[in-house]
Amino acid sequence: MARNESAADRIAYRRANAVDPEAFLRELTVVEPTEDGENLQFTPAFVSRVDRQLEKVRSAGVETADIADMFGVTEANVTVADRPYTAYKTRTTVRNWPSEAALELDVAVDRELRSETDRWDEVPPRQRHRLLQSLRSFRDDCPFCGGPVAIGDETVESCCGDTEVVTVGCGECDRRFLEFSADSIPGR
């Protein structure tokens, strides 16, 4: 999508190219139902492929090209944002992650999905980003240390602002993968 296209054109593109997340990911054999059929989980084969991609990302580091691919912009439109947390600016929007580990995981999953289908590039960038965020919650074990990944028991201050959040992270290495506003979780 070119930046100079009208808002109506951008909305039409998003509507025409949006995917049903579950159907899309199941078709690619990224996810499958859990044993009880109540939820979805990564397929073991996808976990293995992402882990290999993650090793490459950790070895080479995250490049501006990775961010450009993720958000459908040119590398010239990507800069590291001057923030006390992991963030990049794409055109005029600052994109943030709760940790460098969350960014590395998103890049690994993005690279793997790109290698599996050309259709991933057609998914609107905003939806791709939201899918990547959601997929961070599909791991029961930390892809960095093997420790347990769980929802935190209490609210903490967000990495990215003065907000109270509930986190999803590793209980052993303390890497943070997701943050939710505390009031978005029932019973809190």
N, C-alpha and C. Protein backbone atom coordinates (compact mmCIF):
# COMPACT_ATOMS: atom_id res chain seq x y z
N MET A 1 0.85 -1.18 0.00
CA MET A 1 0.00 0.00 0.00
C MET A 1 0.89 1.24 0.00
N ALA A 2 0.69 2.09 -0.89
CA ALA A 2 1.45 3.34 -0.93
C ALA A 2 0.89 4.30 0.10
N ARG A 3 1.78 5.05 0.71
CA ARG A 3 1.38 5.97 1.78
C ARG A 3 0.50 7.09 1.25
N ASN A 4 0.64 7.45 -0.03
CA ASN A 4 -0.11 8.59 -0.55
C ASN A 4 -1.52 8.20 -1.01
N GLU A 5 -1.90 6.93 -0.84
CA GLU A 5 -3.26 6.53 -1.18
C GLU A 5 -4.23 7.07 -0.13
N SER A 6 -5.45 7.24 -0.53
CA SER A 6 -6.45 7.83 0.36
C SER A 6 -6.77 6.89 1.52
N ALA A 7 -7.36 7.45 2.55
CA ALA A 7 -7.79 6.64 3.69
C ALA A 7 -8.81 5.60 3.23
N ALA A 8 -9.68 5.96 2.31
CA ALA A 8 -10.68 5.01 1.80
C ALA A 8 -9.99 3.84 1.10
N ASP A 9 -8.92 4.12 0.34
CA ASP A 9 -8.18 3.06 -0.35
C ASP A 9 -7.50 2.14 0.66
N ARG A 10 -6.93 2.72 1.71
CA ARG A 10 -6.25 1.90 2.74
C ARG A 10 -7.27 1.02 3.47
N ILE A 11 -8.43 1.56 3.78
CA ILE A 11 -9.47 0.78 4.46
C ILE A 11 -9.96 -0.33 3.54
N ALA A 12 -10.16 -0.02 2.27
CA ALA A 12 -10.60 -1.05 1.32
C ALA A 12 -9.56 -2.16 1.21
N TYR A 13 -8.28 -1.80 1.21
CA TYR A 13 -7.21 -2.80 1.15
C TYR A 13 -7.26 -3.70 2.38
N ARG A 14 -7.39 -3.09 3.56
CA ARG A 14 -7.44 -3.89 4.80
C ARG A 14 -8.63 -4.85 4.77
N ARG A 15 -9.77 -4.36 4.34
CA ARG A 15 -10.97 -5.23 4.30
C ARG A 15 -10.79 -6.36 3.29
N ALA A 16 -10.22 -6.06 2.14
CA ALA A 16 -10.07 -7.07 1.09
C ALA A 16 -9.02 -8.12 1.44
N ASN A 17 -8.02 -7.76 2.24
CA ASN A 17 -6.90 -8.67 2.50
C ASN A 17 -6.83 -9.21 3.91
N ALA A 18 -7.74 -8.78 4.78
CA ALA A 18 -7.75 -9.31 6.14
C ALA A 18 -8.07 -10.80 6.09
N VAL A 19 -7.53 -11.53 7.05
CA VAL A 19 -7.76 -12.97 7.11
C VAL A 19 -8.47 -13.32 8.40
N ASP A 20 -9.14 -14.47 8.37
CA ASP A 20 -9.66 -15.04 9.61
C ASP A 20 -8.44 -15.67 10.27
N PRO A 21 -7.98 -15.13 11.41
CA PRO A 21 -6.72 -15.60 11.99
C PRO A 21 -6.65 -17.10 12.22
N GLU A 22 -7.69 -17.67 12.83
CA GLU A 22 -7.65 -19.10 13.13
C GLU A 22 -7.59 -19.93 11.85
N ALA A 23 -8.45 -19.62 10.89
CA ALA A 23 -8.47 -20.39 9.64
C ALA A 23 -7.14 -20.26 8.90
N PHE A 24 -6.61 -19.06 8.85
CA PHE A 24 -5.33 -18.82 8.16
C PHE A 24 -4.20 -19.62 8.80
N LEU A 25 -4.09 -19.55 10.11
CA LEU A 25 -3.00 -20.24 10.82
C LEU A 25 -3.18 -21.76 10.80
N ARG A 26 -4.40 -22.23 10.84
CA ARG A 26 -4.64 -23.68 10.76
C ARG A 26 -4.31 -24.19 9.36
N GLU A 27 -4.68 -23.43 8.35
CA GLU A 27 -4.39 -23.84 6.96
C GLU A 27 -2.88 -23.98 6.74
N LEU A 28 -2.11 -23.13 7.39
CA LEU A 28 -0.64 -23.19 7.26
C LEU A 28 -0.01 -24.20 8.22
N THR A 29 -0.82 -24.90 8.99
CA THR A 29 -0.39 -25.84 10.03
C THR A 29 0.54 -25.19 11.05
N VAL A 30 0.22 -23.94 11.36
CA VAL A 30 0.93 -23.22 12.42
C VAL A 30 0.34 -23.60 13.77
N VAL A 31 -0.99 -23.70 13.82
CA VAL A 31 -1.69 -24.04 15.05
C VAL A 31 -2.59 -25.23 14.81
N GLU A 32 -2.94 -25.87 15.93
CA GLU A 32 -3.87 -27.00 15.93
C GLU A 32 -4.65 -26.95 17.24
N PRO A 33 -5.78 -27.65 17.30
CA PRO A 33 -6.54 -27.64 18.55
C PRO A 33 -5.76 -28.37 19.66
N THR A 34 -5.97 -27.92 20.89
CA THR A 34 -5.42 -28.63 22.04
C THR A 34 -6.16 -29.95 22.18
N GLU A 35 -5.67 -30.83 23.04
CA GLU A 35 -6.30 -32.15 23.22
C GLU A 35 -7.78 -32.04 23.56
N ASP A 36 -8.13 -31.07 24.41
CA ASP A 36 -9.53 -30.93 24.80
C ASP A 36 -10.36 -30.18 23.76
N GLY A 37 -9.71 -29.67 22.73
CA GLY A 37 -10.41 -28.96 21.67
C GLY A 37 -10.88 -27.57 22.03
N GLU A 38 -10.53 -27.10 23.23
CA GLU A 38 -11.01 -25.81 23.71
C GLU A 38 -10.18 -24.63 23.21
N ASN A 39 -8.90 -24.87 22.95
CA ASN A 39 -7.99 -23.79 22.58
C ASN A 39 -7.14 -24.22 21.39
N LEU A 40 -6.25 -23.33 21.01
CA LEU A 40 -5.29 -23.65 19.95
C LEU A 40 -3.90 -23.68 20.55
N GLN A 41 -3.03 -24.41 19.89
CA GLN A 41 -1.62 -24.46 20.29
C GLN A 41 -0.78 -24.54 19.02
N PHE A 42 0.49 -24.17 19.15
CA PHE A 42 1.40 -24.33 18.02
C PHE A 42 1.54 -25.81 17.69
N THR A 43 1.74 -26.12 16.42
CA THR A 43 2.10 -27.48 16.05
C THR A 43 3.56 -27.68 16.42
N PRO A 44 3.96 -28.88 16.81
CA PRO A 44 5.37 -29.12 17.14
C PRO A 44 6.31 -28.75 16.00
N ALA A 45 5.90 -29.02 14.77
CA ALA A 45 6.76 -28.70 13.61
C ALA A 45 6.97 -27.20 13.50
N PHE A 46 5.91 -26.40 13.74
CA PHE A 46 6.07 -24.95 13.65
C PHE A 46 6.99 -24.44 14.76
N VAL A 47 6.86 -24.98 15.96
CA VAL A 47 7.74 -24.58 17.07
C VAL A 47 9.19 -24.83 16.68
N SER A 48 9.48 -25.97 16.09
CA SER A 48 10.85 -26.29 15.68
C SER A 48 11.36 -25.30 14.64
N ARG A 49 10.52 -24.98 13.67
CA ARG A 49 10.95 -24.04 12.62
C ARG A 49 11.16 -22.63 13.19
N VAL A 50 10.29 -22.20 14.09
CA VAL A 50 10.45 -20.88 14.71
C VAL A 50 11.72 -20.86 15.56
N ASP A 51 11.97 -21.94 16.30
CA ASP A 51 13.17 -21.99 17.12
C ASP A 51 14.43 -21.85 16.27
N ARG A 52 14.44 -22.46 15.08
CA ARG A 52 15.59 -22.31 14.17
C ARG A 52 15.71 -20.87 13.69
N GLN A 53 14.57 -20.25 13.37
CA GLN A 53 14.59 -18.84 12.96
C GLN A 53 15.08 -17.96 14.11
N LEU A 54 14.63 -18.27 15.33
CA LEU A 54 15.02 -17.48 16.49
C LEU A 54 16.52 -17.55 16.73
N GLU A 55 17.12 -18.71 16.51
CA GLU A 55 18.57 -18.84 16.64
C GLU A 55 19.27 -17.89 15.66
N LYS A 56 18.77 -17.81 14.43
CA LYS A 56 19.35 -16.91 13.42
C LYS A 56 19.18 -15.46 13.84
N VAL A 57 17.99 -15.10 14.34
CA VAL A 57 17.74 -13.73 14.77
C VAL A 57 18.67 -13.36 15.92
N ARG A 58 18.80 -14.25 16.89
CA ARG A 58 19.65 -13.96 18.05
C ARG A 58 21.11 -13.86 17.64
N SER A 59 21.51 -14.63 16.66
CA SER A 59 22.90 -14.61 16.20
C SER A 59 23.21 -13.34 15.42
N ALA A 60 22.32 -12.96 14.51
CA ALA A 60 22.58 -11.81 13.63
C ALA A 60 22.00 -10.51 14.16
N GLY A 61 21.02 -10.60 15.07
CA GLY A 61 20.35 -9.42 15.57
C GLY A 61 19.18 -9.02 14.69
N VAL A 62 18.36 -8.14 15.21
CA VAL A 62 17.21 -7.62 14.47
C VAL A 62 17.71 -6.49 13.58
N GLU A 63 17.34 -6.56 12.32
CA GLU A 63 17.73 -5.55 11.34
C GLU A 63 16.53 -4.65 11.02
N THR A 64 16.82 -3.44 10.55
CA THR A 64 15.71 -2.57 10.15
C THR A 64 14.90 -3.21 9.02
N ALA A 65 15.54 -4.06 8.21
CA ALA A 65 14.81 -4.77 7.15
C ALA A 65 13.73 -5.68 7.74
N ASP A 66 14.00 -6.27 8.90
CA ASP A 66 13.00 -7.12 9.56
C ASP A 66 11.77 -6.30 9.95
N ILE A 67 12.01 -5.13 10.49
CA ILE A 67 10.91 -4.25 10.91
C ILE A 67 10.15 -3.76 9.68
N ALA A 68 10.90 -3.40 8.64
CA ALA A 68 10.27 -2.94 7.40
C ALA A 68 9.36 -4.02 6.83
N ASP A 69 9.84 -5.26 6.79
CA ASP A 69 9.02 -6.37 6.29
C ASP A 69 7.77 -6.55 7.14
N MET A 70 7.94 -6.50 8.45
CA MET A 70 6.82 -6.73 9.36
C MET A 70 5.70 -5.72 9.15
N PHE A 71 6.08 -4.47 8.89
CA PHE A 71 5.08 -3.40 8.81
C PHE A 71 4.81 -2.91 7.39
N GLY A 72 5.40 -3.58 6.40
CA GLY A 72 5.10 -3.24 5.01
C GLY A 72 5.57 -1.86 4.60
N VAL A 73 6.76 -1.47 5.06
CA VAL A 73 7.35 -0.18 4.68
C VAL A 73 8.75 -0.44 4.14
N THR A 74 9.36 0.59 3.59
CA THR A 74 10.74 0.46 3.14
C THR A 74 11.67 0.65 4.32
N GLU A 75 12.90 0.17 4.18
CA GLU A 75 13.89 0.34 5.26
C GLU A 75 14.13 1.81 5.57
N ALA A 76 14.03 2.66 4.57
CA ALA A 76 14.22 4.09 4.78
C ALA A 76 13.18 4.68 5.72
N ASN A 77 12.06 3.99 5.88
CA ASN A 77 10.99 4.46 6.76
C ASN A 77 11.06 3.85 8.16
N VAL A 78 12.18 3.21 8.50
CA VAL A 78 12.33 2.56 9.81
C VAL A 78 13.53 3.17 10.53
N THR A 79 13.31 3.58 11.77
CA THR A 79 14.40 4.05 12.62
C THR A 79 14.19 3.50 14.03
N VAL A 80 15.28 3.38 14.76
CA VAL A 80 15.18 3.00 16.16
C VAL A 80 14.61 4.21 16.89
N ALA A 81 13.55 4.00 17.65
CA ALA A 81 12.92 5.10 18.39
C ALA A 81 13.71 5.35 19.66
N ASP A 82 13.88 6.61 20.00
CA ASP A 82 14.62 6.99 21.20
C ASP A 82 13.69 6.86 22.41
N ARG A 83 13.64 5.64 22.94
CA ARG A 83 12.78 5.33 24.07
C ARG A 83 13.58 4.48 25.06
N PRO A 84 13.16 4.45 26.32
CA PRO A 84 13.86 3.59 27.29
C PRO A 84 13.44 2.12 27.19
N TYR A 85 12.69 1.76 26.19
CA TYR A 85 12.23 0.39 25.96
C TYR A 85 12.43 0.07 24.49
N THR A 86 12.23 -1.17 24.11
CA THR A 86 12.43 -1.61 22.74
C THR A 86 11.36 -1.01 21.84
N ALA A 87 11.78 -0.18 20.88
CA ALA A 87 10.82 0.50 20.01
C ALA A 87 11.48 0.91 18.70
N TYR A 88 10.68 0.88 17.66
CA TYR A 88 11.09 1.35 16.34
C TYR A 88 10.02 2.29 15.82
N LYS A 89 10.43 3.24 15.02
CA LYS A 89 9.49 4.15 14.37
C LYS A 89 9.36 3.71 12.92
N THR A 90 8.12 3.48 12.48
CA THR A 90 7.84 3.17 11.08
C THR A 90 7.01 4.33 10.55
N ARG A 91 7.60 5.07 9.65
CA ARG A 91 7.01 6.31 9.14
C ARG A 91 6.76 7.24 10.33
N THR A 92 5.51 7.40 10.74
CA THR A 92 5.19 8.33 11.83
C THR A 92 4.72 7.61 13.09
N THR A 93 4.72 6.28 13.08
CA THR A 93 4.19 5.51 14.20
C THR A 93 5.32 4.84 14.98
N VAL A 94 5.31 5.00 16.29
CA VAL A 94 6.29 4.30 17.14
C VAL A 94 5.68 2.96 17.53
N ARG A 95 6.39 1.89 17.22
CA ARG A 95 5.98 0.52 17.54
C ARG A 95 6.83 0.05 18.71
N ASN A 96 6.22 -0.51 19.73
CA ASN A 96 7.00 -0.92 20.90
C ASN A 96 6.73 -2.37 21.27
N TRP A 97 7.70 -2.94 21.96
CA TRP A 97 7.64 -4.32 22.45
C TRP A 97 8.00 -4.30 23.93
N PRO A 98 7.45 -5.23 24.72
CA PRO A 98 7.74 -5.24 26.15
C PRO A 98 9.16 -5.68 26.48
N SER A 99 9.89 -6.22 25.49
CA SER A 99 11.28 -6.60 25.70
C SER A 99 11.93 -6.88 24.35
N GLU A 100 13.25 -6.90 24.36
CA GLU A 100 13.99 -7.29 23.16
C GLU A 100 13.63 -8.72 22.77
N ALA A 101 13.38 -9.58 23.76
CA ALA A 101 13.00 -10.97 23.49
C ALA A 101 11.68 -11.05 22.73
N ALA A 102 10.71 -10.21 23.08
CA ALA A 102 9.42 -10.20 22.38
C ALA A 102 9.63 -9.79 20.92
N LEU A 103 10.47 -8.79 20.69
CA LEU A 103 10.77 -8.37 19.33
C LEU A 103 11.45 -9.49 18.56
N GLU A 104 12.45 -10.12 19.16
CA GLU A 104 13.15 -11.21 18.48
C GLU A 104 12.20 -12.35 18.13
N LEU A 105 11.29 -12.66 19.03
CA LEU A 105 10.31 -13.72 18.77
C LEU A 105 9.38 -13.32 17.63
N ASP A 106 8.92 -12.07 17.62
CA ASP A 106 8.07 -11.61 16.52
C ASP A 106 8.80 -11.71 15.18
N VAL A 107 10.05 -11.31 15.15
CA VAL A 107 10.83 -11.37 13.91
C VAL A 107 10.98 -12.82 13.45
N ALA A 108 11.27 -13.72 14.39
CA ALA A 108 11.42 -15.14 14.03
C ALA A 108 10.13 -15.71 13.46
N VAL A 109 9.00 -15.41 14.10
CA VAL A 109 7.71 -15.92 13.61
C VAL A 109 7.38 -15.27 12.26
N ASP A 110 7.61 -13.97 12.14
CA ASP A 110 7.36 -13.27 10.88
C ASP A 110 8.19 -13.89 9.75
N ARG A 111 9.47 -14.11 9.99
CA ARG A 111 10.33 -14.72 8.97
C ARG A 111 9.82 -16.11 8.58
N GLU A 112 9.42 -16.89 9.57
CA GLU A 112 8.95 -18.24 9.28
C GLU A 112 7.66 -18.21 8.46
N LEU A 113 6.72 -17.34 8.84
CA LEU A 113 5.48 -17.25 8.07
C LEU A 113 5.74 -16.77 6.65
N ARG A 114 6.68 -15.85 6.49
CA ARG A 114 7.06 -15.38 5.15
C ARG A 114 7.64 -16.51 4.31
N SER A 115 8.41 -17.39 4.95
CA SER A 115 9.02 -18.49 4.20
C SER A 115 7.99 -19.56 3.83
N GLU A 116 6.87 -19.58 4.54
CA GLU A 116 5.87 -20.61 4.29
C GLU A 116 4.81 -20.20 3.26
N THR A 117 4.53 -18.91 3.14
CA THR A 117 3.48 -18.48 2.22
C THR A 117 3.67 -17.03 1.78
N ASP A 118 3.40 -16.78 0.52
CA ASP A 118 3.40 -15.40 0.02
C ASP A 118 2.19 -14.63 0.53
N ARG A 119 1.17 -15.36 0.96
CA ARG A 119 -0.04 -14.72 1.46
C ARG A 119 0.21 -13.88 2.72
N TRP A 120 1.27 -14.19 3.48
CA TRP A 120 1.56 -13.43 4.70
C TRP A 120 1.79 -11.96 4.36
N ASP A 121 2.45 -11.68 3.23
CA ASP A 121 2.69 -10.30 2.82
C ASP A 121 1.41 -9.57 2.45
N GLU A 122 0.38 -10.31 2.05
CA GLU A 122 -0.89 -9.69 1.67
C GLU A 122 -1.74 -9.33 2.88
N VAL A 123 -1.49 -9.97 4.01
CA VAL A 123 -2.24 -9.65 5.24
C VAL A 123 -1.89 -8.21 5.61
N PRO A 124 -2.87 -7.37 5.88
CA PRO A 124 -2.58 -5.98 6.23
C PRO A 124 -1.59 -5.90 7.40
N PRO A 125 -0.61 -4.99 7.31
CA PRO A 125 0.44 -4.91 8.34
C PRO A 125 -0.08 -4.82 9.77
N ARG A 126 -1.13 -4.06 9.99
CA ARG A 126 -1.68 -3.94 11.35
C ARG A 126 -2.16 -5.30 11.86
N GLN A 127 -2.83 -6.07 10.99
CA GLN A 127 -3.30 -7.39 11.39
C GLN A 127 -2.12 -8.34 11.59
N ARG A 128 -1.10 -8.25 10.72
CA ARG A 128 0.10 -9.09 10.91
C ARG A 128 0.70 -8.84 12.29
N HIS A 129 0.82 -7.56 12.65
CA HIS A 129 1.41 -7.21 13.95
C HIS A 129 0.57 -7.78 15.10
N ARG A 130 -0.73 -7.65 15.00
CA ARG A 130 -1.61 -8.18 16.06
C ARG A 130 -1.52 -9.70 16.15
N LEU A 131 -1.42 -10.36 14.99
CA LEU A 131 -1.26 -11.81 15.01
C LEU A 131 0.05 -12.20 15.68
N LEU A 132 1.12 -11.50 15.35
CA LEU A 132 2.41 -11.80 15.97
C LEU A 132 2.34 -11.61 17.48
N GLN A 133 1.70 -10.53 17.92
CA GLN A 133 1.53 -10.31 19.36
C GLN A 133 0.79 -11.48 20.00
N SER A 134 -0.31 -11.88 19.40
CA SER A 134 -1.10 -12.98 19.95
C SER A 134 -0.31 -14.28 20.00
N LEU A 135 0.45 -14.53 18.96
CA LEU A 135 1.19 -15.78 18.89
C LEU A 135 2.26 -15.89 19.98
N ARG A 136 2.70 -14.75 20.52
CA ARG A 136 3.67 -14.82 21.63
C ARG A 136 3.10 -15.55 22.83
N SER A 137 1.78 -15.60 22.95
CA SER A 137 1.15 -16.24 24.11
C SER A 137 0.97 -17.75 23.92
N PHE A 138 1.35 -18.29 22.78
CA PHE A 138 1.12 -19.70 22.49
C PHE A 138 2.21 -20.62 23.04
N ARG A 139 3.26 -20.07 23.58
CA ARG A 139 4.35 -20.91 24.09
C ARG A 139 4.14 -21.17 25.58
N ASP A 140 4.27 -22.44 25.98
CA ASP A 140 4.24 -22.79 27.40
C ASP A 140 5.63 -22.76 28.00
N ASP A 141 6.63 -22.89 27.13
CA ASP A 141 8.01 -22.85 27.59
C ASP A 141 8.73 -21.70 26.90
N CYS A 142 9.64 -21.11 27.60
CA CYS A 142 10.39 -19.96 27.09
C CYS A 142 11.31 -20.42 25.96
N PRO A 143 11.22 -19.77 24.81
CA PRO A 143 12.09 -20.16 23.71
C PRO A 143 13.56 -19.75 23.92
N PHE A 144 13.82 -19.00 24.99
CA PHE A 144 15.17 -18.54 25.26
C PHE A 144 15.88 -19.40 26.31
N CYS A 145 15.13 -19.85 27.34
CA CYS A 145 15.79 -20.62 28.40
C CYS A 145 15.08 -21.93 28.73
N GLY A 146 13.88 -22.15 28.18
CA GLY A 146 13.14 -23.37 28.45
C GLY A 146 12.29 -23.32 29.71
N GLY A 147 12.35 -22.21 30.43
CA GLY A 147 11.55 -22.07 31.65
C GLY A 147 10.07 -21.93 31.35
N PRO A 148 9.23 -21.97 32.40
CA PRO A 148 7.78 -21.88 32.20
C PRO A 148 7.33 -20.46 31.86
N VAL A 149 6.43 -20.35 30.88
CA VAL A 149 5.84 -19.06 30.53
C VAL A 149 4.45 -19.02 31.14
N ALA A 150 4.15 -17.94 31.84
CA ALA A 150 2.87 -17.84 32.52
C ALA A 150 2.43 -16.39 32.64
N ILE A 151 1.15 -16.22 32.92
CA ILE A 151 0.60 -14.90 33.21
C ILE A 151 1.02 -14.53 34.62
N GLY A 152 1.50 -13.30 34.80
CA GLY A 152 1.93 -12.83 36.10
C GLY A 152 0.77 -12.80 37.10
N ASP A 153 1.11 -12.94 38.38
CA ASP A 153 0.11 -12.97 39.44
C ASP A 153 -0.35 -11.58 39.88
N GLU A 154 0.45 -10.57 39.59
CA GLU A 154 0.10 -9.24 40.05
C GLU A 154 0.37 -8.21 38.97
N THR A 155 -0.21 -7.04 39.15
CA THR A 155 0.03 -5.99 38.17
C THR A 155 1.36 -5.32 38.46
N VAL A 156 2.01 -4.90 37.38
CA VAL A 156 3.29 -4.21 37.47
C VAL A 156 3.25 -3.02 36.53
N GLU A 157 4.24 -2.15 36.64
CA GLU A 157 4.30 -1.01 35.74
C GLU A 157 4.76 -1.48 34.37
N SER A 158 4.13 -0.96 33.34
CA SER A 158 4.48 -1.32 31.97
C SER A 158 5.91 -0.89 31.66
N CYS A 159 6.53 -1.65 30.79
CA CYS A 159 7.86 -1.27 30.31
C CYS A 159 7.79 0.01 29.49
N CYS A 160 6.62 0.23 28.92
CA CYS A 160 6.49 1.25 27.88
C CYS A 160 5.66 2.46 28.31
N GLY A 161 5.44 2.65 29.58
CA GLY A 161 4.66 3.79 30.03
C GLY A 161 4.28 3.67 31.49
N ASP A 162 3.51 4.61 31.95
CA ASP A 162 3.09 4.64 33.35
C ASP A 162 1.73 3.99 33.52
N THR A 163 1.62 2.75 33.12
CA THR A 163 0.37 2.02 33.17
C THR A 163 0.57 0.73 33.96
N GLU A 164 -0.44 0.36 34.73
CA GLU A 164 -0.39 -0.92 35.42
C GLU A 164 -0.82 -2.01 34.45
N VAL A 165 -0.01 -3.06 34.35
CA VAL A 165 -0.28 -4.14 33.40
C VAL A 165 -0.11 -5.50 34.05
N VAL A 166 -0.69 -6.49 33.40
CA VAL A 166 -0.45 -7.89 33.73
C VAL A 166 0.45 -8.39 32.63
N THR A 167 1.44 -9.18 32.99
CA THR A 167 2.41 -9.63 31.99
C THR A 167 2.32 -11.12 31.73
N VAL A 168 2.80 -11.50 30.56
CA VAL A 168 3.06 -12.89 30.23
C VAL A 168 4.56 -12.96 30.02
N GLY A 169 5.21 -13.81 30.80
CA GLY A 169 6.66 -13.88 30.70
C GLY A 169 7.20 -15.18 31.27
N CYS A 170 8.51 -15.29 31.21
CA CYS A 170 9.19 -16.49 31.70
C CYS A 170 9.43 -16.38 33.19
N GLY A 171 9.10 -17.44 33.90
CA GLY A 171 9.30 -17.48 35.34
C GLY A 171 10.75 -17.69 35.74
N GLU A 172 11.61 -18.10 34.80
CA GLU A 172 13.01 -18.32 35.14
C GLU A 172 13.92 -17.17 34.72
N CYS A 173 13.83 -16.74 33.47
CA CYS A 173 14.75 -15.69 33.00
C CYS A 173 14.13 -14.30 33.03
N ASP A 174 12.86 -14.21 33.42
CA ASP A 174 12.13 -12.95 33.56
C ASP A 174 11.94 -12.17 32.25
N ARG A 175 12.11 -12.83 31.10
CA ARG A 175 11.82 -12.14 29.84
C ARG A 175 10.31 -11.93 29.75
N ARG A 176 9.94 -10.73 29.32
CA ARG A 176 8.53 -10.35 29.21
C ARG A 176 8.12 -10.46 27.74
N PHE A 177 7.02 -11.18 27.48
CA PHE A 177 6.57 -11.38 26.11
C PHE A 177 5.33 -10.58 25.75
N LEU A 178 4.46 -10.36 26.72
CA LEU A 178 3.23 -9.61 26.48
C LEU A 178 2.87 -8.77 27.69
N GLU A 179 2.11 -7.72 27.44
CA GLU A 179 1.54 -6.91 28.50
C GLU A 179 0.08 -6.67 28.16
N PHE A 180 -0.77 -6.77 29.18
CA PHE A 180 -2.20 -6.47 29.04
C PHE A 180 -2.55 -5.42 30.08
N SER A 181 -3.45 -4.52 29.73
CA SER A 181 -3.89 -3.58 30.76
C SER A 181 -4.60 -4.40 31.83
N ALA A 182 -4.35 -4.06 33.07
CA ALA A 182 -4.88 -4.84 34.19
C ALA A 182 -6.40 -4.91 34.16
N ASP A 183 -7.06 -3.87 33.69
CA ASP A 183 -8.52 -3.88 33.69
C ASP A 183 -9.12 -4.63 32.49
N SER A 184 -8.27 -5.14 31.59
CA SER A 184 -8.79 -5.90 30.45
C SER A 184 -8.95 -7.38 30.76
N ILE A 185 -8.52 -7.81 31.94
CA ILE A 185 -8.61 -9.21 32.32
C ILE A 185 -9.70 -9.35 33.37
N PRO A 186 -10.74 -10.15 33.06
CA PRO A 186 -11.84 -10.33 34.02
C PRO A 186 -11.34 -10.88 35.37
N GLY A 187 -11.91 -10.39 36.43
CA GLY A 187 -11.58 -10.89 37.76
C GLY A 187 -10.37 -10.23 38.39
N ARG A 188 -9.81 -9.24 37.74
CA ARG A 188 -8.64 -8.55 38.30
C ARG A 188 -9.05 -7.21 38.82
